[in-house]
Structure formats: structure tokens, C-alpha cells
N, C-alpha and C. Protein backbone atom coordinates (compact mmCIF):
# COMPACT_ATOMS: atom_id res chain seq x y z
N MET A 1 98.10 121.81 93.55
CA MET A 1 97.70 122.16 91.91
C MET A 1 97.78 123.59 91.41
N ALA A 2 97.12 124.38 92.18
CA ALA A 2 97.06 125.66 92.07
C ALA A 2 98.44 126.33 92.57
N HIS A 3 99.60 125.85 93.08
CA HIS A 3 100.81 126.35 93.32
C HIS A 3 100.84 127.16 94.59
N CYS A 4 99.68 126.86 95.39
CA CYS A 4 99.95 127.79 96.80
C CYS A 4 100.70 127.59 97.54
N ILE A 5 101.51 128.04 98.21
CA ILE A 5 102.51 127.83 99.16
C ILE A 5 102.07 128.57 100.56
N SER A 6 100.72 128.49 101.06
CA SER A 6 100.51 128.49 102.25
C SER A 6 98.92 128.64 102.32
N LEU A 7 98.58 128.39 103.68
CA LEU A 7 97.11 128.15 103.77
C LEU A 7 96.47 129.35 103.77
N ASN A 8 97.28 130.71 103.71
CA ASN A 8 96.33 132.17 103.28
C ASN A 8 96.12 132.00 101.88
N ASP A 9 97.22 131.38 101.16
CA ASP A 9 96.70 131.17 99.50
C ASP A 9 95.67 130.49 99.17
N ILE A 10 95.55 129.57 99.86
CA ILE A 10 93.94 128.54 99.54
C ILE A 10 92.82 129.37 100.12
N CYS A 11 93.12 129.99 101.27
CA CYS A 11 91.76 130.39 102.08
C CYS A 11 91.44 131.85 100.72
N ASP A 12 92.42 132.81 100.42
CA ASP A 12 92.33 133.92 99.51
C ASP A 12 91.99 133.48 98.18
N GLY A 13 92.34 132.22 97.69
CA GLY A 13 91.66 132.01 96.36
C GLY A 13 90.49 131.36 96.26
N LEU A 14 89.95 130.62 97.49
CA LEU A 14 88.60 130.36 97.50
C LEU A 14 87.72 131.38 97.70
N GLN A 15 88.11 132.30 98.22
CA GLN A 15 87.21 133.54 98.48
C GLN A 15 86.91 134.27 97.45
N ASN A 16 87.72 134.22 96.24
CA ASN A 16 87.66 134.62 94.92
C ASN A 16 86.52 133.77 94.08
N PHE A 17 86.30 132.81 94.56
CA PHE A 17 85.36 131.79 94.17
C PHE A 17 83.96 131.50 94.71
N LYS A 18 83.63 132.49 95.64
CA LYS A 18 81.97 132.42 96.29
C LYS A 18 81.20 131.93 95.33
N GLY A 19 80.92 132.39 94.31
CA GLY A 19 79.78 131.90 93.67
C GLY A 19 79.99 130.45 93.03
N ASN A 20 81.02 129.88 92.96
CA ASN A 20 81.11 128.82 91.90
C ASN A 20 81.05 127.69 93.56
N LEU A 21 81.67 128.08 94.59
CA LEU A 21 81.34 127.35 96.00
C LEU A 21 80.09 127.05 96.00
N ASN A 22 79.15 128.37 96.12
CA ASN A 22 77.95 128.33 96.69
C ASN A 22 76.97 127.11 95.69
N ASP A 23 77.27 127.06 94.46
CA ASP A 23 76.44 125.50 93.43
C ASP A 23 76.94 124.50 94.24
N ILE A 24 78.30 124.22 94.66
CA ILE A 24 78.40 122.90 95.12
C ILE A 24 77.98 123.14 96.66
N ARG A 25 76.59 122.48 96.70
CA ARG A 25 76.05 121.73 97.96
C ARG A 25 76.08 123.05 98.79
N ASN A 26 75.73 124.30 98.62
CA ASN A 26 76.15 125.80 99.45
C ASN A 26 77.15 125.67 99.89
N ALA A 27 78.31 125.46 99.65
CA ALA A 27 79.68 125.46 100.27
C ALA A 27 80.20 126.93 100.43
N THR A 28 80.83 127.14 101.43
CA THR A 28 81.23 128.59 101.76
C THR A 28 82.78 128.38 101.67
N ALA A 29 83.56 129.58 101.62
CA ALA A 29 84.85 129.35 101.58
C ALA A 29 85.10 129.39 103.23
N PRO A 30 86.41 128.70 103.51
CA PRO A 30 86.59 128.70 104.98
C PRO A 30 87.51 129.93 105.48
N HIS A 31 87.61 130.29 106.63
CA HIS A 31 88.16 131.42 107.25
C HIS A 31 89.89 130.83 107.46
N ARG A 32 90.62 131.60 107.62
CA ARG A 32 92.04 131.01 107.58
C ARG A 32 91.99 130.32 108.96
N ASN A 33 91.61 130.79 109.90
CA ASN A 33 91.87 130.34 111.47
C ASN A 33 91.02 128.68 111.55
N THR A 34 89.79 128.96 110.55
CA THR A 34 88.94 127.55 110.46
C THR A 34 90.03 126.50 109.94
N LEU A 35 90.45 126.82 108.18
CA LEU A 35 91.70 125.78 107.78
C LEU A 35 92.74 125.45 108.93
N SER A 36 93.48 126.58 109.58
CA SER A 36 94.63 126.26 110.08
C SER A 36 94.31 125.00 111.22
N HIS A 37 93.23 125.15 112.02
CA HIS A 37 92.92 124.27 112.97
C HIS A 37 92.48 123.24 112.60
N ALA A 38 91.58 123.11 111.40
CA ALA A 38 91.61 121.92 110.76
C ALA A 38 92.83 120.97 110.33
N ASN A 39 93.66 121.56 110.08
CA ASN A 39 94.82 120.95 109.28
C ASN A 39 95.67 120.59 110.92
N ARG A 40 95.37 121.08 111.81
CA ARG A 40 96.61 120.74 112.94
C ARG A 40 95.65 119.35 113.55
N THR A 41 94.54 119.32 113.67
CA THR A 41 93.71 118.15 113.90
C THR A 41 92.71 117.10 113.31
N ARG A 42 92.89 117.22 111.93
CA ARG A 42 92.41 116.16 110.89
C ARG A 42 93.51 115.11 111.31
N ASP A 43 92.94 113.87 111.25
CA ASP A 43 93.35 112.64 111.18
C ASP A 43 94.40 112.50 109.89
N ILE A 44 95.55 112.18 109.78
CA ILE A 44 96.33 111.76 108.66
C ILE A 44 95.71 110.46 108.08
N ALA A 45 94.88 109.71 108.41
CA ALA A 45 94.89 108.64 107.92
C ALA A 45 93.65 108.97 107.06
N LEU A 46 92.71 110.08 107.31
CA LEU A 46 92.10 110.42 106.09
C LEU A 46 92.47 110.44 104.89
N LEU A 47 93.21 111.32 104.91
CA LEU A 47 94.01 111.80 103.62
C LEU A 47 94.88 110.46 102.93
N LYS A 48 95.42 109.64 103.68
CA LYS A 48 96.25 108.83 102.99
C LYS A 48 94.90 107.86 102.58
N LYS A 49 94.15 107.42 103.12
CA LYS A 49 93.01 106.53 102.24
C LYS A 49 92.45 107.50 101.37
N LEU A 50 92.27 108.52 101.33
CA LEU A 50 91.80 109.15 100.09
C LEU A 50 92.32 109.08 98.84
N PHE A 51 93.92 109.61 98.93
CA PHE A 51 95.40 109.07 98.28
C PHE A 51 94.85 107.97 97.12
N TRP A 52 95.01 106.70 98.16
CA TRP A 52 95.11 105.43 97.80
C TRP A 52 93.98 104.98 96.93
N LYS A 53 92.70 105.46 97.73
CA LYS A 53 91.59 105.20 96.99
C LYS A 53 91.51 105.74 95.39
N THR A 54 92.08 106.82 95.24
CA THR A 54 91.93 107.82 94.15
C THR A 54 92.76 107.09 92.95
N VAL A 55 94.06 106.59 94.00
CA VAL A 55 95.00 105.77 92.62
C VAL A 55 94.34 104.56 92.18
N GLU A 56 93.61 103.88 93.15
CA GLU A 56 92.76 102.60 93.07
C GLU A 56 91.99 102.63 92.06
N HIS A 57 91.20 103.84 92.31
CA HIS A 57 90.14 104.18 90.98
C HIS A 57 90.67 104.35 89.48
N TYR A 58 91.76 105.20 89.53
CA TYR A 58 92.34 105.25 88.25
C TYR A 58 93.16 104.27 87.43
N GLN A 59 93.37 103.33 88.50
CA GLN A 59 94.18 102.05 87.96
C GLN A 59 92.95 101.31 86.95
N GLN A 60 91.72 101.38 87.68
CA GLN A 60 90.88 100.53 87.27
C GLN A 60 90.13 100.86 85.98
N THR A 61 90.12 102.48 85.93
CA THR A 61 89.44 103.04 84.75
C THR A 61 90.54 103.66 83.46
N HIS A 62 91.65 103.72 83.95
CA HIS A 62 92.54 104.36 83.11
C HIS A 62 93.69 103.49 83.51
N PRO A 63 94.03 101.91 83.15
CA PRO A 63 95.24 100.91 83.52
C PRO A 63 96.19 101.49 82.71
N LYS A 64 96.18 102.04 81.49
CA LYS A 64 97.44 102.38 80.77
C LYS A 64 98.25 103.50 80.82
N PHE A 65 97.25 104.49 81.93
CA PHE A 65 98.38 105.28 82.61
C PHE A 65 99.35 104.87 83.48
N PHE A 66 99.33 103.70 83.89
CA PHE A 66 100.17 102.95 84.85
C PHE A 66 101.14 101.96 84.33
N THR A 67 101.03 101.70 82.81
CA THR A 67 102.02 100.98 82.08
C THR A 67 102.49 101.36 81.14
N GLN A 68 103.52 100.45 80.62
CA GLN A 68 104.12 100.96 79.38
C GLN A 68 102.79 101.18 78.08
N GLY A 69 103.09 102.06 77.47
CA GLY A 69 102.14 102.52 76.30
C GLY A 69 101.38 103.77 76.80
N GLY A 70 101.29 103.87 78.04
CA GLY A 70 100.52 104.99 78.42
C GLY A 70 101.07 106.26 78.37
N ARG A 71 101.33 107.52 79.49
CA ARG A 71 101.67 108.19 79.45
C ARG A 71 103.40 108.34 79.24
N SER A 72 104.02 109.10 78.36
CA SER A 72 105.52 108.85 77.94
C SER A 72 105.93 110.20 78.28
N TYR A 73 107.26 110.32 78.65
CA TYR A 73 107.96 111.35 79.00
C TYR A 73 109.19 111.52 78.18
N PHE A 74 109.58 112.51 77.39
CA PHE A 74 110.51 112.25 76.65
C PHE A 74 111.83 112.81 77.22
N SER A 75 112.06 112.90 78.81
CA SER A 75 112.98 112.69 79.15
C SER A 75 113.69 111.56 79.67
N LEU A 76 112.88 110.59 79.39
CA LEU A 76 113.21 109.01 79.73
C LEU A 76 113.22 108.45 78.47
N PRO A 77 114.35 107.64 78.79
CA PRO A 77 114.68 106.80 77.31
C PRO A 77 113.87 105.77 77.07
N ARG A 78 113.06 106.05 75.89
CA ARG A 78 112.35 105.10 75.31
C ARG A 78 112.39 103.63 75.02
N ARG A 79 113.94 102.97 75.08
CA ARG A 79 114.44 101.91 74.94
C ARG A 79 114.17 100.98 76.18
N PHE A 80 113.80 101.66 77.46
CA PHE A 80 113.63 101.02 78.36
C PHE A 80 112.22 100.22 78.59
N LYS A 81 112.29 98.85 78.21
CA LYS A 81 111.11 98.14 78.58
C LYS A 81 110.44 97.66 79.94
N ARG A 82 111.32 98.04 80.76
CA ARG A 82 111.03 97.43 82.20
C ARG A 82 110.76 98.53 83.14
N ALA A 83 109.74 98.18 84.16
CA ALA A 83 109.56 99.15 85.32
C ALA A 83 110.32 99.57 86.12
N ILE A 84 110.66 101.15 86.44
CA ILE A 84 111.81 101.72 86.53
C ILE A 84 111.16 102.38 88.18
N ARG A 85 111.86 102.10 88.94
CA ARG A 85 111.46 102.90 90.15
C ARG A 85 112.26 103.44 90.84
N ALA A 86 112.05 104.88 91.12
CA ALA A 86 113.17 105.72 91.59
C ALA A 86 113.07 106.08 93.34
N ILE A 87 114.06 105.87 93.96
CA ILE A 87 114.18 106.02 95.64
C ILE A 87 114.81 107.33 95.65
N ASP A 88 114.15 108.10 96.79
CA ASP A 88 114.87 109.39 97.04
C ASP A 88 113.94 109.81 98.40
N SER A 89 114.55 110.64 99.04
CA SER A 89 114.17 111.17 100.17
C SER A 89 114.30 112.82 100.40
N THR A 90 113.55 113.37 101.21
CA THR A 90 113.43 114.96 101.53
C THR A 90 113.54 115.05 102.96
N THR A 91 113.92 116.07 103.28
CA THR A 91 113.77 116.39 104.81
C THR A 91 113.04 117.69 104.99
N ILE A 92 111.96 117.57 105.65
CA ILE A 92 110.99 118.67 105.65
C ILE A 92 111.39 119.32 107.28
N GLU A 93 111.83 120.64 107.22
CA GLU A 93 112.09 121.21 108.50
C GLU A 93 110.60 121.77 109.43
N LEU A 94 110.60 121.31 110.44
CA LEU A 94 109.39 121.46 111.25
C LEU A 94 109.60 122.32 112.60
N ILE A 95 108.31 122.67 113.07
CA ILE A 95 108.60 123.58 114.69
C ILE A 95 108.51 122.44 115.31
N ALA A 96 109.42 122.54 116.14
CA ALA A 96 109.78 121.47 117.17
C ALA A 96 108.45 121.32 118.17
N LYS A 97 107.71 122.40 118.70
CA LYS A 97 106.76 122.61 119.55
C LYS A 97 105.61 122.12 119.15
N CYS A 98 105.32 121.90 118.20
CA CYS A 98 104.21 121.00 117.28
C CYS A 98 104.41 119.91 117.08
N MET A 99 105.51 119.21 116.59
CA MET A 99 105.70 117.92 116.75
C MET A 99 107.02 117.62 117.02
N ASP A 100 106.78 117.16 118.50
CA ASP A 100 108.39 116.83 119.05
C ASP A 100 108.79 115.87 118.76
N TRP A 101 108.09 114.65 118.14
CA TRP A 101 108.25 113.32 117.76
C TRP A 101 109.11 113.28 116.68
N THR A 102 109.57 114.78 116.32
CA THR A 102 110.53 114.67 115.20
C THR A 102 111.96 115.12 115.37
N LYS A 103 112.05 115.20 116.72
CA LYS A 103 113.43 115.83 116.90
C LYS A 103 114.65 114.99 116.84
N HIS A 104 115.79 115.40 115.88
CA HIS A 104 116.63 114.57 115.74
C HIS A 104 118.19 115.66 116.04
N ARG A 105 117.64 116.85 116.39
CA ARG A 105 118.91 117.74 116.89
C ARG A 105 118.62 118.44 118.16
N LYS A 106 119.30 118.94 118.77
CA LYS A 106 118.84 119.82 119.88
C LYS A 106 118.04 120.55 119.91
N HIS A 107 118.26 121.64 118.53
CA HIS A 107 117.34 122.92 118.62
C HIS A 107 116.44 122.47 117.40
N LYS A 108 116.50 121.52 116.88
CA LYS A 108 115.97 121.62 115.29
C LYS A 108 114.84 120.23 115.37
N ALA A 109 113.92 120.13 114.48
CA ALA A 109 113.10 119.10 114.30
C ALA A 109 112.89 119.09 112.74
N ALA A 110 112.92 117.86 112.58
CA ALA A 110 112.54 117.61 111.19
C ALA A 110 111.93 116.17 110.57
N SER A 111 111.29 116.07 109.82
CA SER A 111 110.59 115.22 109.26
C SER A 111 110.98 114.70 107.98
N LYS A 112 111.42 113.28 107.61
CA LYS A 112 111.75 113.01 106.51
C LYS A 112 110.90 111.95 105.57
N VAL A 113 110.74 112.27 104.40
CA VAL A 113 109.86 111.82 103.79
C VAL A 113 110.64 110.95 102.90
N HIS A 114 110.23 109.58 102.73
CA HIS A 114 111.14 108.65 101.66
C HIS A 114 110.13 107.97 100.67
N VAL A 115 110.43 108.16 99.32
CA VAL A 115 109.07 108.21 98.30
C VAL A 115 110.10 107.21 97.00
N ALA A 116 108.96 106.04 96.69
CA ALA A 116 109.46 105.37 95.79
C ALA A 116 108.58 105.71 94.47
N LEU A 117 108.97 106.20 93.66
CA LEU A 117 108.36 106.91 92.69
C LEU A 117 108.25 105.81 91.43
N ASN A 118 107.12 105.82 90.60
CA ASN A 118 107.02 104.92 89.43
C ASN A 118 107.45 106.06 88.32
N LEU A 119 108.24 105.65 87.48
CA LEU A 119 108.88 106.93 86.43
C LEU A 119 108.20 106.53 84.98
N ILE A 120 106.92 105.52 85.31
CA ILE A 120 106.14 105.50 83.96
C ILE A 120 105.04 106.23 84.22
N SER A 121 104.28 106.34 85.45
CA SER A 121 103.20 107.04 85.59
C SER A 121 103.45 108.19 86.20
N PHE A 122 104.82 108.52 86.99
CA PHE A 122 105.33 109.66 87.89
C PHE A 122 104.09 109.63 89.37
N ILE A 123 103.62 108.35 89.72
CA ILE A 123 102.77 108.19 91.03
C ILE A 123 103.20 107.77 91.72
N PRO A 124 103.33 108.04 93.08
CA PRO A 124 104.24 107.03 94.03
C PRO A 124 103.91 105.92 94.39
N ILE A 125 104.75 104.95 94.37
CA ILE A 125 104.07 103.68 94.82
C ILE A 125 104.45 103.24 96.17
N ARG A 126 105.42 103.65 97.07
CA ARG A 126 105.44 103.70 98.58
C ARG A 126 106.11 105.07 99.18
N VAL A 127 105.33 105.52 100.19
CA VAL A 127 105.36 106.81 100.82
C VAL A 127 105.87 106.77 102.44
N VAL A 128 107.13 106.75 102.99
CA VAL A 128 107.32 106.55 104.38
C VAL A 128 107.74 107.58 104.78
N THR A 129 107.02 108.27 106.05
CA THR A 129 107.38 109.76 106.48
C THR A 129 107.86 109.15 108.05
N ASP A 130 108.87 109.64 108.80
CA ASP A 130 109.35 109.36 109.64
C ASP A 130 110.01 110.26 110.33
N SER A 131 110.58 110.62 111.45
CA SER A 131 111.49 111.29 112.11
C SER A 131 112.79 111.09 111.11
N ALA A 132 113.58 112.40 111.16
CA ALA A 132 115.02 112.44 110.06
C ALA A 132 116.29 111.87 110.90
N ASN A 133 116.18 111.14 111.92
CA ASN A 133 117.26 110.59 112.47
C ASN A 133 117.51 109.25 112.27
N HIS A 134 116.87 108.48 111.22
CA HIS A 134 117.00 107.33 110.85
C HIS A 134 117.99 107.30 109.33
N HIS A 135 118.66 106.03 109.50
CA HIS A 135 119.48 106.03 108.33
C HIS A 135 118.60 105.54 107.05
N ASP A 136 118.81 106.13 105.87
CA ASP A 136 117.88 106.08 104.92
C ASP A 136 118.21 104.47 104.64
N GLY A 137 118.76 103.90 104.59
CA GLY A 137 119.03 102.52 104.26
C GLY A 137 118.12 101.52 104.87
N SER A 138 117.44 101.82 106.01
CA SER A 138 116.80 101.31 106.75
C SER A 138 115.60 100.97 106.05
N TYR A 139 114.91 101.78 105.14
CA TYR A 139 113.76 101.89 104.60
C TYR A 139 113.47 101.10 103.51
N MET A 140 114.90 100.58 102.79
CA MET A 140 114.75 100.08 101.54
C MET A 140 113.61 98.79 101.63
N SER A 141 113.64 98.20 102.68
CA SER A 141 112.70 97.06 102.32
C SER A 141 111.23 97.21 102.09
N GLU A 142 111.00 98.48 102.89
CA GLU A 142 109.45 99.13 102.62
C GLU A 142 109.29 99.82 101.10
N LEU A 143 110.60 100.45 100.78
CA LEU A 143 110.51 101.15 99.34
C LEU A 143 110.44 100.49 98.23
N CYS A 144 111.36 99.02 98.57
CA CYS A 144 111.22 97.98 97.27
C CYS A 144 110.50 97.13 97.37
N GLY A 145 109.39 96.81 98.40
CA GLY A 145 108.64 96.08 98.50
C GLY A 145 107.58 95.93 97.20
N ASN A 146 107.00 94.53 96.85
CA ASN A 146 106.45 94.22 95.60
C ASN A 146 107.22 94.33 94.47
N MET A 147 108.72 94.46 94.47
CA MET A 147 108.94 94.86 93.05
C MET A 147 109.31 93.20 92.31
N LYS A 148 109.07 93.13 91.16
CA LYS A 148 109.36 91.68 90.54
C LYS A 148 110.44 91.72 89.83
N SER A 149 111.01 90.36 89.51
CA SER A 149 112.14 90.32 88.65
C SER A 149 112.07 90.73 87.08
N GLY A 150 113.29 91.77 87.20
CA GLY A 150 113.36 92.31 86.14
C GLY A 150 113.09 93.92 86.05
N ASP A 151 112.56 94.56 87.25
CA ASP A 151 112.20 95.62 87.38
C ASP A 151 113.98 96.26 87.83
N ILE A 152 113.58 97.46 87.62
CA ILE A 152 114.90 98.51 87.91
C ILE A 152 114.79 99.12 89.14
N ALA A 153 115.40 99.24 90.08
CA ALA A 153 115.33 100.55 91.25
C ALA A 153 116.84 101.44 91.11
N VAL A 154 116.34 102.57 91.18
CA VAL A 154 117.34 103.67 90.94
C VAL A 154 117.44 104.63 92.21
N MET A 155 118.67 104.59 92.52
CA MET A 155 118.62 105.24 94.17
C MET A 155 119.98 106.23 94.25
N ASP A 156 120.28 106.78 95.59
CA ASP A 156 121.65 107.65 95.78
C ASP A 156 122.17 106.64 96.42
N ARG A 157 123.47 106.95 96.97
CA ARG A 157 124.26 106.23 97.83
C ARG A 157 123.63 106.13 99.57
N ALA A 158 122.67 107.30 99.86
CA ALA A 158 122.12 107.20 100.96
C ALA A 158 121.50 106.08 101.37
N TYR A 159 121.04 105.33 100.40
CA TYR A 159 120.31 104.22 100.51
C TYR A 159 121.12 102.58 99.89
N VAL A 160 122.60 102.55 100.14
CA VAL A 160 123.29 101.66 100.24
C VAL A 160 123.48 100.94 101.25
N ASP A 161 122.73 99.66 101.22
CA ASP A 161 122.47 98.63 102.28
C ASP A 161 122.86 97.35 101.81
N TYR A 162 124.02 96.66 102.41
CA TYR A 162 124.52 95.62 101.29
C TYR A 162 123.47 94.30 101.53
N GLN A 163 122.55 94.29 102.67
CA GLN A 163 122.09 93.00 102.82
C GLN A 163 120.75 93.19 102.19
N GLN A 164 120.06 94.29 101.90
CA GLN A 164 118.87 95.10 101.20
C GLN A 164 119.24 94.67 99.71
N LEU A 165 120.48 95.26 99.09
CA LEU A 165 120.77 95.16 98.11
C LEU A 165 121.01 93.69 97.41
N ASN A 166 121.53 92.68 98.40
CA ASN A 166 121.66 91.47 98.03
C ASN A 166 120.41 91.05 98.07
N THR A 167 119.45 91.25 98.69
CA THR A 167 118.09 90.53 98.73
C THR A 167 117.32 91.05 97.37
N LEU A 168 117.38 92.26 96.92
CA LEU A 168 117.19 92.48 95.64
C LEU A 168 117.78 91.63 94.20
N THR A 169 119.09 91.80 94.50
CA THR A 169 119.55 90.46 93.39
C THR A 169 119.02 89.29 93.49
N GLU A 170 119.08 88.77 94.75
CA GLU A 170 118.23 87.52 94.83
C GLU A 170 116.81 87.20 94.14
N GLN A 171 116.14 88.42 94.22
CA GLN A 171 114.47 88.85 93.36
C GLN A 171 114.96 88.62 92.13
N GLY A 172 116.21 88.80 91.43
CA GLY A 172 116.06 89.16 90.03
C GLY A 172 115.98 90.92 89.68
N VAL A 173 115.60 91.73 90.78
CA VAL A 173 115.64 92.94 90.44
C VAL A 173 117.12 93.86 90.30
N PHE A 174 117.09 94.29 89.44
CA PHE A 174 118.37 95.44 88.96
C PHE A 174 118.11 96.51 89.72
N TRP A 175 119.25 97.10 90.37
CA TRP A 175 119.31 98.41 91.20
C TRP A 175 120.67 98.74 90.53
N VAL A 176 120.63 100.27 90.78
CA VAL A 176 121.72 101.08 90.38
C VAL A 176 122.05 102.27 91.12
N THR A 177 122.74 102.21 91.69
CA THR A 177 123.19 103.40 92.80
C THR A 177 124.82 104.17 92.45
N ARG A 178 125.17 105.38 93.34
CA ARG A 178 126.72 105.29 93.27
C ARG A 178 127.20 104.89 94.56
N SER A 179 128.85 104.74 94.22
CA SER A 179 129.65 103.85 95.00
C SER A 179 130.18 105.03 96.15
N LYS A 180 130.07 104.49 97.37
CA LYS A 180 130.77 105.43 98.47
C LYS A 180 132.40 105.53 98.35
N SER A 181 132.95 106.50 99.09
CA SER A 181 134.09 106.77 98.55
C SER A 181 134.93 105.73 99.36
N ASN A 182 134.49 105.08 100.50
CA ASN A 182 135.38 104.44 101.36
C ASN A 182 134.68 102.63 100.87
N MET A 183 133.88 102.59 99.61
CA MET A 183 133.35 101.41 99.33
C MET A 183 134.65 100.48 98.35
N LYS A 184 134.92 99.35 98.74
CA LYS A 184 135.79 98.43 97.97
C LYS A 184 135.04 97.52 97.11
N VAL A 185 135.34 97.38 95.97
CA VAL A 185 134.42 96.56 94.99
C VAL A 185 135.27 96.07 93.84
N LYS A 186 134.87 94.99 93.84
CA LYS A 186 135.27 94.10 92.31
C LYS A 186 134.55 93.84 91.37
N VAL A 187 134.90 94.57 89.88
CA VAL A 187 134.43 94.26 89.06
C VAL A 187 134.18 92.93 88.38
N ILE A 188 132.92 92.20 88.25
CA ILE A 188 132.89 91.21 87.75
C ILE A 188 132.56 90.71 86.35
N LYS A 189 131.79 92.00 85.80
CA LYS A 189 131.07 91.77 84.21
C LYS A 189 130.66 93.72 83.89
N GLN A 190 131.13 93.83 82.77
CA GLN A 190 130.84 95.23 82.30
C GLN A 190 130.03 95.00 81.20
N LEU A 191 128.62 95.57 81.17
CA LEU A 191 127.53 95.53 80.53
C LEU A 191 128.04 96.72 78.70
N ASN A 192 128.43 97.20 79.31
CA ASN A 192 128.86 98.74 78.22
C ASN A 192 130.01 98.69 78.14
N LYS A 193 130.79 98.56 76.93
CA LYS A 193 131.91 98.70 76.79
C LYS A 193 132.34 100.12 75.80
N GLY A 194 133.61 100.67 76.16
CA GLY A 194 133.76 101.80 75.35
C GLY A 194 133.78 102.95 76.43
N LYS A 195 134.11 103.97 75.73
CA LYS A 195 134.19 105.26 76.82
C LYS A 195 133.27 105.38 78.09
N GLN A 196 132.18 104.70 77.86
CA GLN A 196 130.98 105.05 78.88
C GLN A 196 131.39 104.23 80.09
N ASN A 197 132.27 103.54 80.14
CA ASN A 197 132.60 102.98 81.27
C ASN A 197 133.94 103.77 81.86
N ALA A 198 134.43 104.56 81.25
CA ALA A 198 135.49 105.01 81.60
C ALA A 198 135.55 106.32 82.91
N PRO A 199 136.21 106.15 83.68
CA PRO A 199 135.76 106.98 84.75
C PRO A 199 135.69 108.61 84.54
N VAL A 200 135.01 109.34 85.03
CA VAL A 200 134.57 110.67 84.61
C VAL A 200 135.23 111.54 85.83
N ASP A 201 136.24 112.51 85.71
CA ASP A 201 136.95 113.22 86.35
C ASP A 201 137.55 112.56 87.57
N GLY A 202 138.04 110.95 87.43
CA GLY A 202 138.69 110.13 88.61
C GLY A 202 137.77 109.46 89.10
N LYS A 203 136.41 109.71 88.91
CA LYS A 203 135.29 109.05 89.57
C LYS A 203 134.53 107.84 89.05
N PRO A 204 134.42 106.50 89.80
CA PRO A 204 133.83 105.68 89.14
C PRO A 204 132.52 105.52 88.83
N PRO A 205 132.23 104.79 87.78
CA PRO A 205 131.03 104.80 87.00
C PRO A 205 130.00 104.28 88.25
N PRO A 206 128.71 104.46 87.70
CA PRO A 206 127.77 103.85 88.77
C PRO A 206 127.52 102.66 89.23
N LEU A 207 127.41 101.89 90.67
CA LEU A 207 127.35 100.67 90.59
C LEU A 207 125.89 99.81 90.05
N SER A 208 125.92 98.65 89.90
CA SER A 208 124.43 98.14 89.66
C SER A 208 124.97 96.65 90.10
N ASN A 209 123.52 95.65 90.17
CA ASN A 209 123.94 94.56 90.73
C ASN A 209 124.65 93.35 89.95
N HIS A 210 125.58 93.96 89.21
CA HIS A 210 126.38 93.10 88.44
C HIS A 210 127.90 93.25 88.94
N ILE A 211 127.92 94.01 89.88
CA ILE A 211 129.32 94.32 90.62
C ILE A 211 129.35 93.65 91.56
N LYS A 212 130.21 92.67 91.94
CA LYS A 212 130.21 92.42 93.40
C LYS A 212 130.53 92.87 94.77
N ARG A 213 129.72 92.86 95.65
CA ARG A 213 130.13 93.32 97.00
C ARG A 213 130.97 92.76 97.40
């Protein structure tokens, strides 16, 4: 929240507010080595429990924050009345000797974080962390869990898994993604007519669950 980019930034910032910390049960600013050690040894389950407890608290105290009619973002089309879930991942490069379980290349190590984001509240619904050597499509069932009929899932083509997409279609979930270069499809229905469906620079329009796989 303070736009800190390192543990040093956090420690230096807290050192500037010793007086305020002293008023909080006589707390003191941590030293850099102390916070670094805690960051390496702290059980990740503690942070996970804290996050979901916080989300649960605000779901009860401010329910409109998580539903239509709560927070609104001008960048999102107002005509959408359905729940929209954006799915994407990011790869975090790591130090191999500290986290050897993330090795996916001979000389490199990385962890990949898959996030299903609620575009109404901008709160993550599902977060999956694993080594980076697995295909994104294998996490579809976890990221799209608990989706209701009429909901919309938006993802890139890295998550194209025909079996999982077919499962979403059977559940009544709408999904939108990009087609792969080697994908063969047959258009059975077009929802929008006119120039919007015309190919752009020779590329086909995005796929949806109205297209027969």
C-alpha cells in the first residue's frame, strides 16, 4: 500500500514513525535482518488465513462492495449486469537455492501465480501458486470454481483447455478467450453483426462458448 519495493523500504519507513509505533502497545520498528528472517521462516498459512478472514469481514460489513451497485470503475462497460471473472497469471523469478521446488529450467527457478479476479470489486476470488513448469490450462478447474450460470470468464489463450471449456459451457458459464494459431473452429452463431465481427489485420475475433470446438 505504501509502494515499497523492498524490505529495506519497509524498515526505513517504520523507523520514521517510531513515535506512532510506540503508541501501539509500545511497538518498535523492526531491524532489516529481523524482518528478513521472519519473512523466510513465517508460515505462509498465516498470511493466507489473514487475507481470507479480512475478505470475509468486509463481505459481512460492506456487502455492496462485492456486488453490482457497489464500487464502479469507469473503464468497465456499465451495460454488463453479470459477474465477470478475469483469469491470468504472472511468473515470479526466484533465487534457486532458496526455493528449489520452483525449478523449471536448468539454471533458473520461478514461481507462477494464477489469479481469478472479480472485476466488480477487484478482489481475488481464487489464487493458485505453483512452480512455473505446469501448463496454465491445468488450473482452470480451480480458478473457475463456484462460477454460476450466466457468469462470464475472460482469459488468454494460455488457458485454452477444451475439456474445461466444455465443462463451463455445460454449467451455463460464458467464456471469452483468444484462438490459437493452429485451432480449427466452426462458427455456429454470431451475436454481433457488422464490422465488429470482421477480422482485424487478418486475425479472427475472440472466441466464446457460442463457437463450436
